[in-house]
Amino acid sequence: MKKLRFACLLLILFALPQLSQAVNKSFYFTTSDGVQLYVRMAGEGKPCLFIHGGPGSWTKYFYALGGDVVEQDMTMIYVDQRGCGRSSSSETKDYSLARVVQDFEELRQHLGYDKWMLMPHSFGGTIATEYAYQHPKRVSAAIFVNSTLYLNDALESYVKNGARLLGKPESEFRKTGGSIGEALNGVASQLNQQGVMYKMMYPKKEMFDQMNAVMDTTINWDFGSKVWDFPEYVQDFTVKSASLKMPVLVISGNNDLSVGPEHYKLFKFRNATYRPMDTGHCPYQEQTALFHQHVKDFLAKVK
């Protein structure tokens, strides 16, 4: 009888749903072309890949400034992209969009996930859209945080709003035959000289200072210096967004002058929920509780 009871107990235990275990670890993953990617996993719940911006930044600015609040609801996979942060550079200087997407797909396979969510921020929106476009069956949902899907529109907004902050006409920065990049550099230079650069991203300077304090000067910036050698990054990814069917949450900032407060209106996702917030470029830092609530509400609908 005791053996029978023990056997029944084992059956009951194995029949119970397995509870997810909280994860907190970091490691290096070697891609098929030999690049060492820094990976940090933290949290509990369904997996979500965080895709940082820059271009050429790293993931720490997100989880160190309030973004880690989402680890209460998801297992976050933070990856410093090749040539970024704590990851190594590509010996062949391959920073193409296709290669970065392949890095993420190789990591997904390594981790054994059939599907995962995506959470891009800023420039990461271009990479996330391309990944989802190439691997739609591997993306269960996506949360776009103040993301750009069409770089030219974001740059135009930056020049327009930057000139307005400086109290100068745009024409002062737009030379005949000059590129939008040259206009951007002119605006950014004067914003920096006048000490008002922070207003493009934040309502308060102390938040800008907090972000800069997280940006370790020793981090790898190879990707950031080479990215413009790959013209595919400047394509209009809103066109590809129209083909994506997974649930999407779009969080934007009404005062985000770096990407543009109306940039999200260009997106064409088929199944999207839009949550504009009264923040600048980093809602997870500026209004952490509300940012978290929007994420939780979205996850409750997609589970």
Protein backbone atom coordinates (compact mmCIF):
# COMPACT_ATOMS: atom_id res chain seq x y z
CA MET A 1 0.00 0.00 0.00
CA LYS A 2 2.83 2.40 0.87
CA LYS A 3 4.48 1.72 -2.50
CA LEU A 4 1.18 2.40 -4.26
CA ARG A 5 0.75 5.71 -2.41
CA PHE A 6 4.32 6.71 -3.27
CA ALA A 7 3.73 5.89 -6.94
CA CYS A 8 0.52 7.94 -6.94
CA LEU A 9 2.34 10.85 -5.32
CA LEU A 10 5.00 10.75 -8.03
CA LEU A 11 2.32 10.75 -10.72
CA ILE A 12 0.67 13.77 -9.12
CA LEU A 13 3.96 15.64 -8.87
CA PHE A 14 4.87 14.96 -12.48
CA ALA A 15 1.37 15.95 -13.59
CA LEU A 16 1.64 19.36 -11.93
CA PRO A 17 2.68 22.25 -14.19
CA GLN A 18 6.37 23.03 -13.81
CA LEU A 19 6.89 26.40 -12.20
CA SER A 20 9.30 28.73 -13.96
CA GLN A 21 12.54 29.38 -12.16
CA ALA A 22 13.99 32.85 -11.75
CA VAL A 23 17.17 33.31 -13.79
CA ASN A 24 20.16 35.52 -13.06
CA LYS A 25 23.32 34.77 -14.99
CA SER A 26 25.68 36.14 -17.61
CA PHE A 27 27.90 34.41 -20.13
CA TYR A 28 29.54 34.75 -23.53
CA PHE A 29 28.03 33.13 -26.61
CA THR A 30 30.25 32.46 -29.62
CA THR A 31 28.59 33.08 -32.99
CA SER A 32 29.25 30.93 -36.05
CA ASP A 33 31.81 33.47 -37.27
CA GLY A 34 33.66 33.63 -33.96
CA VAL A 35 32.30 36.79 -32.32
CA GLN A 36 31.92 36.69 -28.53
CA LEU A 37 28.53 38.12 -27.56
CA TYR A 38 27.96 39.18 -23.97
CA VAL A 39 24.62 37.79 -22.76
CA ARG A 40 22.87 38.50 -19.47
CA MET A 41 19.70 36.67 -18.49
CA ALA A 42 17.52 37.84 -15.62
CA GLY A 43 13.95 37.50 -14.49
CA GLU A 44 11.14 34.99 -14.56
CA GLY A 45 8.54 34.07 -17.15
CA LYS A 46 8.43 33.81 -20.91
CA PRO A 47 11.66 34.75 -22.72
CA CYS A 48 12.10 38.23 -24.17
CA LEU A 49 15.11 39.47 -26.14
CA PHE A 50 16.06 43.08 -25.45
CA ILE A 51 17.56 44.79 -28.52
CA HIS A 52 19.45 47.92 -27.56
CA GLY A 53 19.83 51.09 -29.56
CA GLY A 54 22.69 53.44 -30.31
CA PRO A 55 23.56 52.40 -32.86
CA GLY A 56 26.48 50.84 -31.07
CA SER A 57 25.42 51.22 -27.42
CA TRP A 58 24.85 48.37 -24.95
CA THR A 59 22.11 46.82 -22.84
CA LYS A 60 23.14 48.14 -19.44
CA TYR A 61 21.54 51.55 -19.94
CA PHE A 62 18.14 49.82 -19.94
CA TYR A 63 18.31 47.47 -16.98
CA ALA A 64 20.40 49.84 -14.83
CA LEU A 65 17.97 52.75 -15.20
CA GLY A 66 14.63 51.16 -14.36
CA GLY A 67 14.03 48.79 -17.25
CA ASP A 68 14.77 45.80 -15.03
CA VAL A 69 11.25 46.19 -13.63
CA VAL A 70 10.03 43.98 -16.51
CA GLU A 71 12.09 41.10 -15.12
CA GLN A 72 9.18 40.54 -12.74
CA ASP A 73 7.11 39.38 -15.71
CA MET A 74 9.56 37.97 -18.26
CA THR A 75 12.91 36.25 -18.53
CA MET A 76 14.92 39.02 -20.15
CA ILE A 77 17.79 38.15 -22.47
CA TYR A 78 20.11 41.15 -22.76
CA VAL A 79 22.66 40.93 -25.59
CA ASP A 80 25.34 43.47 -26.35
CA GLN A 81 25.39 43.36 -30.14
CA ARG A 82 28.59 42.50 -32.00
CA GLY A 83 31.09 45.33 -31.74
CA CYS A 84 29.10 46.82 -28.85
CA GLY A 85 29.51 47.08 -25.10
CA ARG A 86 31.11 44.00 -23.62
CA SER A 87 30.95 41.95 -26.82
CA SER A 88 33.91 41.49 -29.13
CA SER A 89 34.33 43.02 -32.57
CA SER A 90 33.97 41.20 -35.85
CA GLU A 91 37.39 40.40 -37.31
CA THR A 92 35.95 40.85 -40.81
CA LYS A 93 34.05 44.00 -39.76
CA ASP A 94 30.79 42.34 -40.69
CA TYR A 95 28.16 44.52 -39.05
CA SER A 96 25.55 43.96 -41.72
CA LEU A 97 21.91 43.77 -40.70
CA ALA A 98 21.69 40.18 -41.94
CA ARG A 99 24.62 39.17 -39.73
CA VAL A 100 23.20 40.84 -36.59
CA VAL A 101 19.86 39.11 -37.20
CA GLN A 102 21.70 35.82 -37.63
CA ASP A 103 23.47 36.38 -34.29
CA PHE A 104 20.12 36.58 -32.51
CA GLU A 105 18.74 33.55 -34.30
CA GLU A 106 21.81 31.49 -33.42
CA LEU A 107 21.43 32.53 -29.78
CA ARG A 108 17.74 31.57 -29.76
CA GLN A 109 18.62 28.13 -31.05
CA HIS A 110 21.41 27.81 -28.48
CA LEU A 111 19.03 28.68 -25.64
CA GLY A 112 16.47 26.19 -26.92
CA TYR A 113 13.52 28.57 -27.23
CA ASP A 114 10.92 27.74 -29.85
CA LYS A 115 9.69 31.34 -29.66
CA TRP A 116 10.56 34.46 -27.76
CA MET A 117 9.35 38.02 -27.49
CA LEU A 118 11.31 41.04 -28.70
CA MET A 119 11.77 44.33 -26.89
CA PRO A 120 13.71 46.84 -29.00
CA HIS A 121 14.55 50.36 -27.93
CA SER A 122 15.43 53.29 -30.20
CA PHE A 123 17.62 52.18 -33.15
CA GLY A 124 16.98 48.59 -32.08
CA GLY A 125 13.56 48.88 -33.71
CA THR A 126 15.11 48.50 -37.16
CA ILE A 127 16.89 45.28 -36.16
CA ALA A 128 13.83 43.88 -34.39
CA THR A 129 11.60 44.51 -37.39
CA GLU A 130 14.05 42.77 -39.70
CA TYR A 131 14.38 39.81 -37.34
CA ALA A 132 10.60 39.43 -37.06
CA TYR A 133 10.27 39.81 -40.84
CA GLN A 134 12.79 37.03 -41.47
CA HIS A 135 11.68 34.77 -38.60
CA PRO A 136 7.97 35.49 -37.95
CA LYS A 137 7.33 32.01 -36.51
CA ARG A 138 9.97 32.61 -33.83
CA VAL A 139 8.43 35.81 -32.43
CA SER A 140 5.43 35.46 -30.13
CA ALA A 141 5.02 39.20 -29.48
CA ALA A 142 7.01 42.43 -29.53
CA ILE A 143 7.25 45.55 -27.39
CA PHE A 144 8.69 48.53 -29.29
CA VAL A 145 9.98 51.15 -26.85
CA ASN A 146 10.54 54.58 -28.43
CA SER A 147 11.81 52.82 -31.51
CA THR A 148 12.71 54.11 -34.93
CA LEU A 149 11.63 52.13 -37.98
CA TYR A 150 12.65 54.73 -40.54
CA LEU A 151 15.89 56.45 -39.72
CA ASN A 152 15.54 59.29 -42.21
CA ASP A 153 12.27 60.41 -40.61
CA ALA A 154 13.86 60.31 -37.15
CA LEU A 155 16.86 62.37 -38.34
CA GLU A 156 14.59 64.92 -39.98
CA SER A 157 12.70 65.26 -36.71
CA TYR A 158 15.95 65.68 -34.79
CA VAL A 159 17.11 68.52 -37.03
CA LYS A 160 13.71 70.22 -36.94
CA ASN A 161 13.28 70.02 -33.17
CA GLY A 162 16.93 70.73 -32.45
CA ALA A 163 16.84 73.91 -34.52
CA ARG A 164 13.68 74.96 -32.70
CA LEU A 165 15.36 74.46 -29.31
CA LEU A 166 18.28 76.56 -30.50
CA GLY A 167 15.90 79.27 -31.69
CA LYS A 168 17.34 79.10 -35.21
CA PRO A 169 15.85 78.37 -38.64
CA GLU A 170 16.45 74.91 -40.09
CA SER A 171 17.91 76.57 -43.17
CA GLU A 172 20.97 77.52 -41.14
CA PHE A 173 21.87 73.83 -40.90
CA ARG A 174 20.70 72.65 -44.31
CA LYS A 175 23.32 73.50 -46.89
CA THR A 176 22.64 73.15 -50.60
CA GLY A 177 23.55 69.62 -51.60
CA GLY A 178 24.29 68.69 -47.99
CA SER A 179 23.08 65.46 -46.40
CA ILE A 180 20.70 65.09 -43.49
CA GLY A 181 23.66 63.68 -41.55
CA GLU A 182 25.60 66.91 -41.99
CA ALA A 183 22.60 68.92 -40.81
CA LEU A 184 22.27 66.62 -37.82
CA ASN A 185 25.92 67.09 -36.87
CA GLY A 186 25.54 70.85 -37.05
CA VAL A 187 22.49 70.86 -34.81
CA ALA A 188 23.99 68.39 -32.31
CA SER A 189 27.20 70.39 -32.09
CA GLN A 190 25.39 73.59 -31.16
CA LEU A 191 23.05 71.81 -28.74
CA ASN A 192 26.11 70.45 -26.99
CA GLN A 193 27.84 73.82 -26.92
CA GLN A 194 24.81 75.45 -25.32
CA GLY A 195 24.37 72.64 -22.79
CA VAL A 196 20.84 71.75 -23.92
CA MET A 197 21.51 68.44 -25.65
CA TYR A 198 19.61 66.67 -22.88
CA LYS A 199 16.35 68.27 -24.00
CA MET A 200 16.30 66.09 -27.10
CA MET A 201 15.90 63.01 -24.89
CA TYR A 202 14.82 64.06 -21.40
CA PRO A 203 12.73 66.66 -19.61
CA LYS A 204 15.35 66.92 -16.86
CA LYS A 205 19.12 67.18 -17.10
CA GLU A 206 19.73 64.94 -14.11
CA MET A 207 18.20 62.01 -16.04
CA PHE A 208 20.57 62.70 -18.93
CA ASP A 209 23.45 62.73 -16.44
CA GLN A 210 22.29 59.39 -15.01
CA MET A 211 22.29 57.86 -18.47
CA ASN A 212 25.76 59.20 -19.24
CA ALA A 213 27.06 57.81 -15.95
CA VAL A 214 26.01 54.33 -17.07
CA MET A 215 27.81 54.69 -20.41
CA ASP A 216 31.22 53.28 -19.47
CA THR A 217 33.89 54.92 -21.64
CA THR A 218 35.70 51.59 -22.02
CA ILE A 219 32.86 49.86 -23.88
CA ASN A 220 33.39 48.60 -27.41
CA TRP A 221 32.05 51.07 -30.00
CA ASP A 222 33.22 49.32 -33.17
CA PHE A 223 29.69 48.70 -34.46
CA GLY A 224 28.74 52.33 -33.90
CA SER A 225 31.69 53.53 -35.95
CA LYS A 226 31.10 51.10 -38.84
CA VAL A 227 27.31 50.88 -39.06
CA TRP A 228 26.97 53.57 -41.73
CA ASP A 229 29.03 51.44 -44.09
CA PHE A 230 25.91 49.26 -44.39
CA PRO A 231 23.14 51.19 -46.19
CA GLU A 232 20.43 48.64 -45.39
CA TYR A 233 19.98 50.20 -41.95
CA VAL A 234 18.47 53.36 -43.43
CA GLN A 235 15.69 51.60 -45.34
CA ASP A 236 12.06 52.27 -44.44
CA PHE A 237 11.22 49.39 -42.12
CA THR A 238 7.63 50.59 -41.71
CA VAL A 239 6.99 48.86 -45.05
CA LYS A 240 8.04 45.52 -43.57
CA SER A 241 6.07 46.18 -40.40
CA ALA A 242 2.87 45.88 -42.44
CA SER A 243 3.47 42.16 -42.93
CA LEU A 244 3.96 41.31 -39.24
CA LYS A 245 1.00 39.65 -37.55
CA MET A 246 2.20 39.04 -33.99
CA PRO A 247 0.78 41.18 -31.14
CA VAL A 248 2.78 44.38 -30.80
CA LEU A 249 2.89 47.01 -28.07
CA VAL A 250 4.24 50.38 -29.17
CA ILE A 251 5.35 52.73 -26.40
CA SER A 252 6.37 56.23 -27.45
CA GLY A 253 7.22 59.53 -25.82
CA ASN A 254 5.19 62.68 -26.43
CA ASN A 255 8.35 64.67 -25.70
CA ASP A 256 10.85 62.39 -27.42
CA LEU A 257 12.59 64.81 -29.76
CA SER A 258 15.39 62.41 -30.68
CA VAL A 259 13.16 59.96 -32.56
CA GLY A 260 10.20 62.26 -32.99
CA PRO A 261 6.98 62.32 -30.92
CA GLU A 262 4.88 61.32 -33.95
CA HIS A 263 7.29 58.82 -35.50
CA TYR A 264 5.22 55.88 -34.27
CA LYS A 265 2.32 57.00 -36.47
CA LEU A 266 4.27 55.68 -39.46
CA PHE A 267 4.16 52.11 -38.13
CA LYS A 268 1.91 49.63 -39.95
CA PHE A 269 1.78 46.63 -37.61
CA ARG A 270 -1.39 44.60 -38.13
CA ASN A 271 -2.06 43.86 -34.45
CA ALA A 272 -0.71 46.78 -32.47
CA THR A 273 -1.58 48.54 -29.23
CA TYR A 274 -0.24 52.10 -28.93
CA ARG A 275 0.64 53.70 -25.61
CA PRO A 276 2.07 57.23 -25.94
CA MET A 277 3.51 58.49 -22.66
CA ASP A 278 4.34 61.99 -21.41
CA THR A 279 8.04 61.23 -21.41
CA GLY A 280 11.10 61.74 -23.52
CA HIS A 281 13.18 58.95 -25.06
CA CYS A 282 13.45 56.65 -22.02
CA PRO A 283 10.03 55.96 -20.42
CA TYR A 284 11.42 53.06 -18.35
CA GLN A 285 13.64 55.58 -16.55
CA GLU A 286 11.29 58.58 -16.47
CA GLN A 287 8.01 56.91 -15.50
CA THR A 288 9.02 53.41 -14.44
CA ALA A 289 5.73 52.40 -12.79
CA LEU A 290 3.54 53.44 -15.72
CA PHE A 291 5.93 51.85 -18.22
CA HIS A 292 5.74 48.61 -16.24
CA GLN A 293 1.95 48.77 -16.10
CA HIS A 294 1.67 49.13 -19.88
CA VAL A 295 3.92 46.09 -20.32
CA LYS A 296 1.98 44.01 -17.79
CA ASP A 297 -1.38 44.92 -19.38
CA PHE A 298 -0.06 43.89 -22.77
CA LEU A 299 1.37 40.61 -21.54
CA ALA A 300 -1.96 39.71 -19.91
CA LYS A 301 -3.56 39.84 -23.35
CA VAL A 302 -0.95 37.88 -25.27
CA LYS A 303 -0.41 34.99 -22.85
